[in-house]
Protein backbone atom coordinates (compact mmCIF):
# COMPACT_ATOMS: atom_id res chain seq x y z
CA MET A 1 26.98 87.82 304.55
CA SER A 2 26.53 89.25 301.11
CA SER A 3 29.04 91.98 301.78
CA GLU A 4 31.62 89.52 303.13
CA SER A 5 31.20 87.21 300.15
CA THR A 6 31.73 90.12 297.81
CA ARG A 7 34.91 91.08 299.56
CA ARG A 8 36.20 87.48 299.35
CA ARG A 9 35.55 87.35 295.56
CA ASP A 10 37.30 90.64 294.85
CA PRO A 11 40.74 89.18 294.05
CA THR A 12 39.23 86.68 291.64
CA ASP A 13 37.03 89.29 290.06
CA ARG A 14 39.98 91.56 289.63
CA LEU A 15 42.00 88.76 288.02
CA ILE A 16 39.17 87.94 285.63
CA ALA A 17 38.71 91.62 284.80
CA ALA A 18 42.43 92.07 284.23
CA PHE A 19 42.55 89.00 281.99
CA ALA A 20 39.55 90.20 280.04
CA ALA A 21 41.10 93.63 279.62
CA ALA A 22 44.37 92.10 278.46
CA LEU A 23 42.49 89.88 275.99
CA VAL A 24 40.59 92.86 274.61
CA LEU A 25 43.86 94.80 274.30
CA ALA A 26 45.60 91.88 272.57
CA ILE A 27 42.73 91.45 270.11
CA GLY A 28 42.71 95.20 269.50
CA CYS A 29 46.46 95.24 268.84
CA PHE A 30 46.13 92.26 266.49
CA LEU A 31 43.32 93.90 264.54
CA TRP A 32 45.20 97.22 264.40
CA GLN A 33 48.36 95.55 263.10
CA HIS A 34 46.37 93.49 260.61
CA GLU A 35 44.65 96.59 259.25
CA CYS A 36 47.65 98.95 259.36
CA THR A 37 50.45 96.68 258.11
CA PRO A 38 50.71 97.08 254.32
CA ARG A 39 49.54 94.01 252.43
CA ARG A 40 52.36 92.16 250.70
CA PRO A 41 51.95 92.81 246.97
CA GLU A 42 51.14 89.87 244.74
CA PHE A 43 54.15 90.60 242.51
CA VAL A 44 57.12 91.59 244.66
CA LEU A 45 59.23 94.48 243.40
CA ILE A 46 61.33 96.35 245.95
CA ASN A 47 63.33 99.16 244.39
CA GLU A 48 65.33 101.29 246.81
CA THR A 49 67.48 102.90 244.11
CA ALA A 50 66.87 106.39 242.73
CA GLN A 51 65.90 104.99 239.30
CA HIS A 52 62.18 104.13 239.10
CA ASP A 53 61.49 104.63 235.38
CA PHE A 54 61.21 100.89 234.76
CA ASP A 55 59.22 99.80 237.83
CA LEU A 56 55.94 99.31 236.00
CA ALA A 57 57.61 97.29 233.24
CA PHE A 58 59.41 95.16 235.83
CA ARG A 59 56.10 94.40 237.56
CA MET A 60 54.66 93.36 234.22
CA SER A 61 57.65 91.06 233.59
CA LEU A 62 57.15 89.45 237.01
CA LYS A 63 53.43 89.01 236.34
CA LEU A 64 53.85 87.53 232.85
CA ALA A 65 56.59 85.17 234.02
CA GLU A 66 54.51 83.84 236.91
CA ASN A 67 51.40 83.45 234.78
CA LYS A 68 53.36 81.37 232.28
CA SER A 69 55.57 79.31 234.60
CA GLY A 70 53.62 79.10 237.86
CA ILE A 71 56.75 80.31 239.66
CA GLU A 72 56.68 83.30 241.99
CA ASN A 73 59.37 85.83 241.00
CA ALA A 74 60.61 88.67 243.21
CA LEU A 75 62.95 91.48 242.16
CA VAL A 76 64.87 93.56 244.71
CA LEU A 77 67.08 96.48 243.61
CA LEU A 78 69.33 98.08 246.23
CA PRO A 79 71.63 101.11 246.00
CA SER A 80 74.16 99.14 248.11
CA LEU A 81 74.36 96.10 250.36
CA PRO A 82 73.63 96.37 254.09
CA GLU A 83 76.74 97.06 256.16
CA SER A 84 78.81 93.94 256.95
CA LYS A 85 76.59 91.69 254.84
CA SER A 86 77.42 89.83 251.66
CA ILE A 87 75.00 89.62 248.77
CA GLU A 88 74.51 85.91 249.53
CA GLU A 89 73.51 86.67 253.13
CA THR A 90 71.22 89.50 252.06
CA ALA A 91 69.50 87.33 249.46
CA ALA A 92 68.94 84.49 251.93
CA ASP A 93 67.45 86.89 254.49
CA LEU A 94 65.11 88.48 251.94
CA PHE A 95 64.01 85.13 250.55
CA SER A 96 62.98 84.02 254.03
CA GLN A 97 61.39 87.33 255.08
CA LEU A 98 59.33 87.69 251.91
CA LYS A 99 58.34 84.00 251.91
CA ILE A 100 59.01 83.83 248.20
CA GLY A 101 57.30 80.87 246.57
CA LYS A 102 55.00 80.07 249.49
CA ARG A 103 51.82 80.77 247.52
CA ARG A 104 53.21 78.74 244.59
CA ASN A 105 53.82 75.47 246.43
CA GLY A 106 57.41 76.28 247.25
CA ARG A 107 58.37 77.42 243.73
CA GLY A 108 60.04 80.83 243.91
CA ILE A 109 62.97 82.86 242.57
CA LEU A 110 64.55 86.00 244.00
CA TYR A 111 66.67 88.32 241.86
CA LEU A 112 68.71 90.69 244.05
CA TYR A 113 70.89 93.39 242.48
CA SER A 114 73.06 95.89 244.34
CA ALA A 115 74.14 98.87 242.23
CA LYS A 116 77.18 100.06 244.19
CA GLU A 117 78.85 96.66 244.12
CA ASN A 118 77.43 95.82 240.66
CA GLN A 119 76.47 92.38 241.93
CA LEU A 120 73.52 90.11 241.16
CA LYS A 121 72.40 87.15 243.25
CA ILE A 122 69.75 84.66 242.19
CA GLU A 123 68.17 82.74 245.06
CA VAL A 124 66.11 79.71 244.09
CA SER A 125 63.70 77.70 246.25
CA TYR A 126 64.56 74.11 247.10
CA ASN A 127 61.83 72.76 244.82
CA LEU A 128 63.47 74.40 241.77
CA GLU A 129 67.12 73.56 242.43
CA GLY A 130 66.99 70.55 240.11
CA ASP A 131 65.81 72.66 237.16
CA ILE A 132 67.76 75.83 237.99
CA PRO A 133 71.15 74.67 239.31
CA ASP A 134 73.78 76.88 240.94
CA ALA A 135 76.03 76.73 237.88
CA PHE A 136 73.29 78.17 235.67
CA CYS A 137 72.61 80.98 238.16
CA HIS A 138 76.32 81.74 238.49
CA ARG A 139 76.67 82.30 234.73
CA LEU A 140 73.80 84.77 234.83
CA GLU A 141 75.30 86.51 237.86
CA GLU A 142 78.60 86.90 236.03
CA ALA A 143 76.84 88.19 232.91
CA ALA A 144 75.16 90.88 234.99
CA LYS A 145 78.55 92.45 235.74
CA THR A 146 78.72 93.40 232.07
CA TYR A 147 75.12 93.82 230.94
CA MET A 148 74.05 95.95 233.91
CA LEU A 149 76.56 98.57 232.70
CA SER A 150 75.07 98.68 229.19
CA GLU A 151 72.67 101.30 227.83
CA VAL A 152 69.74 98.96 228.47
CA PRO A 153 70.17 97.19 231.84
CA GLN A 154 66.38 96.92 232.06
CA ASP A 155 66.41 94.66 229.00
CA PHE A 156 68.90 92.36 230.71
CA ILE A 157 66.66 92.13 233.79
CA SER A 158 63.61 91.30 231.67
CA GLU A 159 65.50 88.63 229.73
CA LEU A 160 66.99 87.34 232.98
CA ILE A 161 63.47 86.73 234.34
CA ILE A 162 62.29 85.09 231.10
CA THR A 163 65.36 82.86 230.81
CA THR A 164 65.28 81.69 234.41
CA ASN A 165 61.56 80.88 234.24
CA LEU A 166 62.01 78.92 231.03
CA ARG A 167 64.67 76.93 232.84
CA GLY A 168 62.25 76.43 235.74
CA LEU A 169 59.75 74.98 233.26
CA GLY A 170 62.38 72.49 232.11
CA SER A 171 63.01 74.18 228.74
CA LYS A 172 66.79 73.78 228.82
CA SER A 173 67.23 74.27 225.08
CA GLU A 174 65.43 77.64 225.09
CA ALA A 175 66.92 78.84 228.38
CA THR A 176 70.55 79.36 227.47
CA ALA A 177 72.33 81.24 230.25
CA LEU A 178 73.18 84.76 229.14
CA SER A 179 76.86 85.52 228.88
CA PRO A 180 78.70 88.54 227.46
CA PRO A 181 79.92 88.35 223.84
CA SER A 182 83.58 87.42 223.46
CA TRP A 183 84.40 90.92 222.19
CA LEU A 184 82.69 92.73 225.08
CA ASP A 185 84.06 93.60 228.51
CA GLY A 186 83.48 96.15 231.26
CA SER A 187 86.11 98.56 229.94
CA PHE A 188 84.28 98.71 226.60
CA LEU A 189 80.99 99.61 228.25
CA SER A 190 82.55 102.12 230.62
CA GLY A 191 84.25 103.95 227.78
CA GLY A 192 87.53 103.57 229.61
CA ALA A 193 86.30 105.60 232.56
CA GLY A 194 85.99 102.70 234.96
CA ALA A 195 83.24 100.12 234.89
CA THR A 196 81.34 101.35 237.94
CA VAL A 197 81.78 105.11 237.73
CA ALA A 198 78.39 106.52 238.73
CA GLY A 199 76.77 108.88 236.25
CA TYR A 200 79.26 108.30 233.44
CA ARG A 201 77.50 109.27 230.20
CA LYS A 202 78.93 107.71 227.06
CA SER A 203 79.05 109.70 223.85
CA LEU A 204 79.03 108.67 220.20
CA ASP A 205 82.79 109.27 220.14
CA ASP A 206 83.23 106.96 223.17
CA TYR A 207 81.52 104.09 221.34
CA GLN A 208 83.36 104.71 218.08
CA ARG A 209 86.73 104.71 219.85
CA ALA A 210 85.80 101.58 221.80
CA ILE A 211 84.84 99.77 218.57
CA ARG A 212 88.17 100.76 216.98
CA ARG A 213 90.05 99.31 219.99
CA LEU A 214 88.51 95.86 219.58
CA PRO A 215 90.93 93.06 218.62
CA ASN A 216 91.12 92.27 214.93
CA LEU A 217 88.95 89.48 213.52
CA ARG A 218 88.75 88.05 210.01
CA LEU A 219 85.40 89.30 208.74
CA ASP A 220 86.20 89.52 205.01
CA ASP A 221 83.48 87.03 204.11
CA PHE A 222 80.83 89.47 205.30
CA ALA A 223 81.45 92.47 203.07
CA PRO A 224 78.55 94.37 201.49
CA SER A 225 77.60 93.24 197.98
CA PRO A 226 76.32 95.10 194.89
CA ASP A 227 73.52 92.52 194.93
CA ALA A 228 70.98 93.02 197.75
CA ASN A 229 70.13 89.31 197.88
CA GLU A 230 73.79 88.42 198.37
CA SER A 231 74.13 90.95 201.19
CA VAL A 232 71.14 89.31 202.90
CA ARG A 233 72.73 85.87 202.44
CA ARG A 234 76.03 87.04 203.97
CA TYR A 235 74.21 88.74 206.83
CA LEU A 236 72.31 85.55 207.65
CA ALA A 237 75.57 83.58 207.45
CA SER A 238 77.13 85.93 210.02
CA LEU A 239 74.19 85.33 212.38
CA ALA A 240 74.46 81.57 211.88
CA ALA A 241 78.14 81.87 212.88
CA GLY A 242 77.10 83.72 216.05
CA ILE A 243 78.89 86.94 215.06
CA GLY A 244 77.62 89.93 217.02
CA ASP A 245 80.79 91.98 216.52
CA PRO A 246 79.90 95.58 215.65
CA ARG A 247 82.65 95.77 213.03
CA LEU A 248 80.84 93.46 210.60
CA PRO A 249 81.71 95.15 207.25
CA LEU A 250 78.22 94.91 205.71
CA LEU A 251 76.63 96.91 208.53
CA THR A 252 75.90 100.62 208.29
CA GLU A 253 77.86 102.82 210.71
CA GLY A 254 74.71 103.36 212.77
CA SER A 255 74.17 99.59 212.99
CA ARG A 256 77.63 99.21 214.49
CA ILE A 257 76.76 101.73 217.21
CA PHE A 258 73.46 99.91 217.78
CA ARG A 259 75.31 96.63 218.32
CA ALA A 260 77.57 98.32 220.86
CA LEU A 261 74.55 99.78 222.66
CA VAL A 262 72.66 96.48 222.74
CA PRO A 263 75.32 93.74 222.69
CA ARG A 264 74.34 90.16 221.83
CA ASN A 265 76.42 87.08 222.45
CA GLU A 266 77.03 84.17 220.11
CA ALA A 267 74.08 82.08 221.33
CA GLN A 268 71.71 85.02 220.97
CA GLN A 269 72.84 85.69 217.40
CA GLU A 270 72.44 82.02 216.53
CA ARG A 271 68.91 82.11 217.96
CA VAL A 272 68.14 85.20 215.83
CA PHE A 273 69.39 83.27 212.79
CA GLU A 274 67.03 80.39 213.54
CA PHE A 275 64.10 82.80 213.53
CA PHE A 276 65.25 84.37 210.25
CA HIS A 277 66.04 80.99 208.69
CA SER A 278 62.57 79.64 209.51
CA ALA A 279 61.03 82.62 207.65
CA GLU A 280 62.81 81.96 204.34
CA PRO A 281 62.42 82.45 201.44
CA TYR A 282 62.29 86.23 201.61
CA ARG A 283 60.59 88.53 199.14
CA GLN A 284 62.47 91.72 198.31
CA ILE A 285 60.90 95.10 197.67
CA PHE A 286 62.72 98.34 196.87
CA ALA A 287 61.91 101.98 197.66
CA GLN A 288 63.91 105.22 198.00
CA GLY A 289 67.32 103.57 197.91
CA LEU A 290 66.26 100.96 200.48
CA CYS A 291 65.52 97.25 200.19
CA LEU A 292 63.24 95.23 202.45
CA ALA A 293 63.67 91.47 202.84
CA VAL A 294 60.14 90.40 203.81
CA PRO A 295 59.81 87.19 205.85
CA GLN A 296 57.14 84.61 205.18
CA GLN A 297 53.82 85.15 206.95
CA GLY A 298 53.19 83.34 210.20
CA LYS A 299 56.83 83.54 211.25
CA SER A 300 57.87 85.55 214.29
CA ASN A 301 60.19 88.12 212.80
CA LEU A 302 60.93 91.69 211.81
CA PRO A 303 61.93 92.27 208.18
CA ILE A 304 65.55 93.00 207.23
CA VAL A 305 66.24 96.54 205.95
CA LEU A 306 69.12 97.20 203.56
CA ARG A 307 70.46 100.55 202.36
CA ARG A 308 72.12 101.17 199.03
CA GLY A 309 75.32 103.18 199.34
CA THR A 310 76.66 105.75 196.91
CA ASP A 311 79.31 103.08 196.26
CA ASP A 312 76.50 100.84 194.84
CA LEU A 313 76.89 98.36 197.69
CA TRP A 314 74.01 97.13 199.88
CA TYR A 315 74.47 97.55 203.66
CA VAL A 316 72.27 96.07 206.39
CA ASP A 317 70.56 98.83 208.39
CA GLU A 318 69.60 97.09 211.66
CA PRO A 319 68.18 100.20 213.42
CA LYS A 320 65.56 100.71 210.71
CA SER A 321 64.19 97.21 211.23
CA TRP A 322 63.39 98.31 214.79
CA THR A 323 62.32 101.90 214.08
CA TYR A 324 60.26 101.37 210.91
CA PHE A 325 58.50 98.23 212.15
CA HIS A 326 57.17 96.65 215.34
CA ARG A 327 56.18 93.18 216.47
CA TYR A 328 53.95 92.77 219.53
CA GLU A 329 54.77 90.04 222.03
CA ASP A 330 51.32 88.48 221.66
CA SER A 331 51.42 88.42 217.85
CA VAL A 332 53.57 86.86 215.14
CA ASP A 333 53.60 89.03 212.03
CA PHE A 334 55.13 92.52 212.07
CA PHE A 335 53.37 95.90 211.87
CA VAL A 336 54.37 99.15 210.14
CA LYS A 337 54.77 102.04 212.58
CA TYR A 338 54.27 105.13 210.34
CA ASP A 339 52.06 106.03 207.39
CA ASP A 340 55.01 107.41 205.41
CA ASN A 341 56.98 104.15 205.60
CA PRO A 342 58.43 103.91 202.08
CA PHE A 343 57.59 100.20 201.84
CA LEU A 344 53.96 100.41 202.94
CA PRO A 345 52.30 100.69 199.48
CA GLU A 346 54.17 97.63 198.16
CA LEU A 347 53.55 95.65 201.35
CA ARG A 348 49.84 96.31 200.95
CA SER A 349 49.89 95.27 197.29
CA LEU A 350 51.59 92.00 198.28
CA GLY A 351 48.78 91.30 200.74
CA VAL A 352 51.09 91.21 203.78
CA SER A 353 49.20 90.93 207.08
CA ASN A 354 48.66 93.91 209.43
CA MET A 355 49.16 96.52 206.71
CA GLN A 356 45.65 98.03 206.86
CA ARG A 357 46.95 100.94 208.92
CA ALA A 358 50.18 102.04 210.53
CA ILE A 359 50.39 101.94 214.32
CA TYR A 360 50.93 105.70 214.67
CA GLY A 361 49.19 106.65 211.44
CA ASP A 362 50.17 110.14 210.31
CA HIS A 363 50.54 111.51 213.87
CA VAL A 364 54.34 111.44 213.52
CA HIS A 365 56.68 110.84 210.60
CA THR A 366 59.99 109.27 209.59
CA PRO A 367 62.91 111.54 208.65
CA PRO A 368 64.22 111.60 205.04
CA VAL A 369 66.80 108.92 204.21
CA THR A 370 70.25 110.48 203.81
CA ALA A 371 72.68 109.35 201.11
CA TYR A 372 75.08 106.77 202.59
CA PRO A 373 77.93 106.49 203.57
CA TYR A 374 78.36 109.69 205.56
CA SER A 375 79.94 110.62 208.88
CA LEU A 376 77.59 110.21 211.82
CA ALA A 377 79.95 112.19 214.03
CA GLU A 378 79.88 115.15 211.64
CA ALA A 379 76.08 114.99 211.36
CA VAL A 380 75.73 115.00 215.16
CA LYS A 381 78.14 117.94 215.48
CA GLU A 382 76.20 119.90 212.87
CA TRP A 383 72.92 119.58 214.76
CA GLU A 384 74.63 120.28 218.10
CA GLU A 385 75.99 123.50 216.63
CA ARG A 386 72.51 124.50 215.47
CA ILE A 387 71.22 123.87 219.00
CA ARG A 388 73.96 126.10 220.45
CA GLU A 389 73.05 128.85 218.00
CA ALA A 390 69.28 128.58 218.66
CA PRO A 391 68.79 126.87 222.05
CA ASN A 392 65.05 127.55 222.11
CA ASP A 393 64.29 126.08 218.69
CA ALA A 394 62.53 122.78 219.37
CA THR A 395 62.94 121.54 215.79
CA ASN A 396 66.73 121.24 216.15
CA TYR A 397 66.41 118.98 219.20
CA ALA A 398 63.82 116.86 217.38
CA ALA A 399 66.00 116.53 214.27
CA LEU A 400 68.99 115.40 216.32
CA GLY A 401 66.73 113.03 218.25
CA ASP A 402 65.57 111.49 214.98
CA LEU A 403 69.19 111.09 213.88
CA TYR A 404 70.02 109.12 217.03
CA LEU A 405 66.83 107.08 216.74
CA PHE A 406 66.58 106.14 213.06
CA GLU A 407 70.31 105.87 212.33
CA MET A 408 71.48 104.18 215.58
CA ASN A 409 68.36 103.23 217.54
CA TRP A 410 70.02 105.00 220.47
CA ILE A 411 66.81 105.31 222.45
CA THR A 412 68.12 106.93 225.64
CA ARG A 413 69.81 109.74 223.71
CA ALA A 414 66.72 110.25 221.53
CA ILE A 415 64.57 110.49 224.67
CA GLU A 416 66.79 113.23 226.12
CA LEU A 417 66.46 115.29 222.96
CA PHE A 418 62.72 114.84 222.44
CA GLU A 419 62.10 115.72 226.09
CA LYS A 420 63.90 119.00 225.42
CA ALA A 421 61.94 119.52 222.19
CA ALA A 422 58.63 118.88 223.99
CA ALA A 423 59.61 121.25 226.81
CA ARG A 424 60.13 124.03 224.25
CA ALA A 425 57.02 123.20 222.21
CA PRO A 426 54.65 121.41 224.62
CA ASN A 427 51.69 121.52 222.24
CA GLU A 428 53.54 119.98 219.30
CA LEU A 429 51.83 116.60 219.43
CA SER A 430 54.27 114.87 217.07
CA TYR A 431 56.94 115.20 219.77
CA ARG A 432 54.61 113.63 222.31
CA TRP A 433 53.87 110.73 219.96
CA ARG A 434 57.59 110.18 219.48
CA LEU A 435 58.16 110.25 223.24
CA MET A 436 55.30 107.83 223.83
CA ASP A 437 56.92 105.35 221.42
CA LEU A 438 60.42 105.91 222.81
CA TYR A 439 59.32 105.41 226.41
CA LEU A 440 57.43 102.27 225.42
CA ASN A 441 60.49 100.79 223.72
CA ASP A 442 62.70 101.75 226.66
CA SER A 443 60.42 99.92 229.14
CA ARG A 444 59.32 103.19 230.81
CA ALA A 445 55.68 102.17 230.87
CA ASP A 446 54.48 104.84 233.30
CA LYS A 447 55.97 107.66 231.21
CA SER A 448 54.65 106.14 228.00
CA MET A 449 51.13 106.05 229.49
CA ALA A 450 51.49 109.63 230.72
CA GLU A 451 52.21 110.74 227.16
CA LEU A 452 49.35 108.65 225.81
CA LYS A 453 47.01 110.18 228.38
CA PHE A 454 48.13 113.67 227.33
CA LEU A 455 47.51 112.79 223.68
CA SER A 456 44.07 111.31 224.37
CA GLU A 457 43.08 114.50 226.20
CA HIS A 458 44.34 116.71 223.36
CA LEU A 459 42.74 114.64 220.59
CA PRO A 460 39.05 114.63 221.61
CA ASN A 461 37.94 113.48 218.15
CA ASP A 462 40.31 110.49 218.09
CA PRO A 463 38.50 107.60 219.81
CA GLN A 464 41.28 105.15 218.93
CA THR A 465 43.86 107.08 220.98
CA ARG A 466 41.47 107.26 223.94
CA ASP A 467 40.71 103.54 223.71
CA TRP A 468 44.43 102.82 223.43
CA TYR A 469 45.09 104.75 226.63
CA ARG A 470 42.29 102.98 228.52
CA SER A 471 43.59 99.61 227.35
CA TYR A 472 47.15 100.30 228.52
CA ALA A 473 45.95 101.79 231.82
CA HIS A 474 43.95 98.63 232.51
CA LEU A 475 46.82 96.36 231.47
CA TYR A 476 49.26 98.01 233.87
CA ASP A 477 46.83 98.40 236.77
CA PHE A 478 48.33 96.35 239.62
CA GLY A 479 45.99 97.75 242.23
CA THR A 480 48.75 99.62 244.07
């Protein structure tokens, strides 16, 4: 009886056992997938290109934007589009797959850029379409065709994220869609070699020739003056008129190159003017053939640097405003970067804020100011010749790097040269300090921190440098 009953239950028992085994297997597979599938990062950056120098800075831009706007931002950089797919199709697929905006109540933005096609697509969630319309996105997408070919495409991406999030917050007046300046086009940025030629490296001569080819404009009202105050007034008037043209007569030659490297459109120049105008009246101080127009305290601005020429005229030296001084994003008043800044003693005597110590102290110095005007091209050739004659002399690379930095604020070229100087003299800490600053200003946060780590390890009696490194390491720790 018992044996017969057992035999009759066998099919059922087998079915139950099979079901139980299948259930165990399914649960096991689920748990395995859950544990082994990489967790989606909180701030989505997918970069499949070969250029990863700016990844950490991009993550920080995404984080800061979301913290301020409550909008989830995702940045995807591709070497090329998938075969047989348009950028619109690719963006729509990614937006859905990544579920952008889901954790922010349906508020999300995707920025997709494909390098080969030089195309940008901005995909916006339904909940944001009223604040960020297609027309606004299209203007930014068109602007990318120019700005992504500039020396600083990473700056365009950062400003793109800021501008779009401001628009998402409803700040239409502050979120003007970026567009190229009227004088700028792809042929200018490509140096005539074709706008999308991969690996094309522009030289000083390329930029000078491109500036000379620009169409003529009437800029006579903006000539340098024998009176420094008048030169400042004319400079501010040019900003108020939205003039970003590099041929502005009152600019130094290096400032013209700087404007070609980092082009600004009319709206951007007008916005710069508003900042400067709000900081008036300016106090002027003089030192070593230079003049500094110091803005009022509590106003978000860098000071204006002018340079007296051998012709007794005062020229605006825009690169020195950026290389002598610094303003942090979370502060208002400017800081001095180096102890040997010629204006520092007078700034301290005037009681200007943040002058207790220079950011980099005496770890690294500014180069001597050369009598102006002089030929930048000839100065570059002279140092290049010295490098050819003594290719292992680190000081020649550093001197040429300083020329590119302090005369033109050409950061990428200065980085190349200081990397070569540091390779030839790895224990010369002043080169490492310069690289740390250059990387920081070029949005290469990981390389900047690597230099700062090196410096903290080689300066055991400098607690400030060690604390600085720990602070930056914590700030950029995304848990990845």
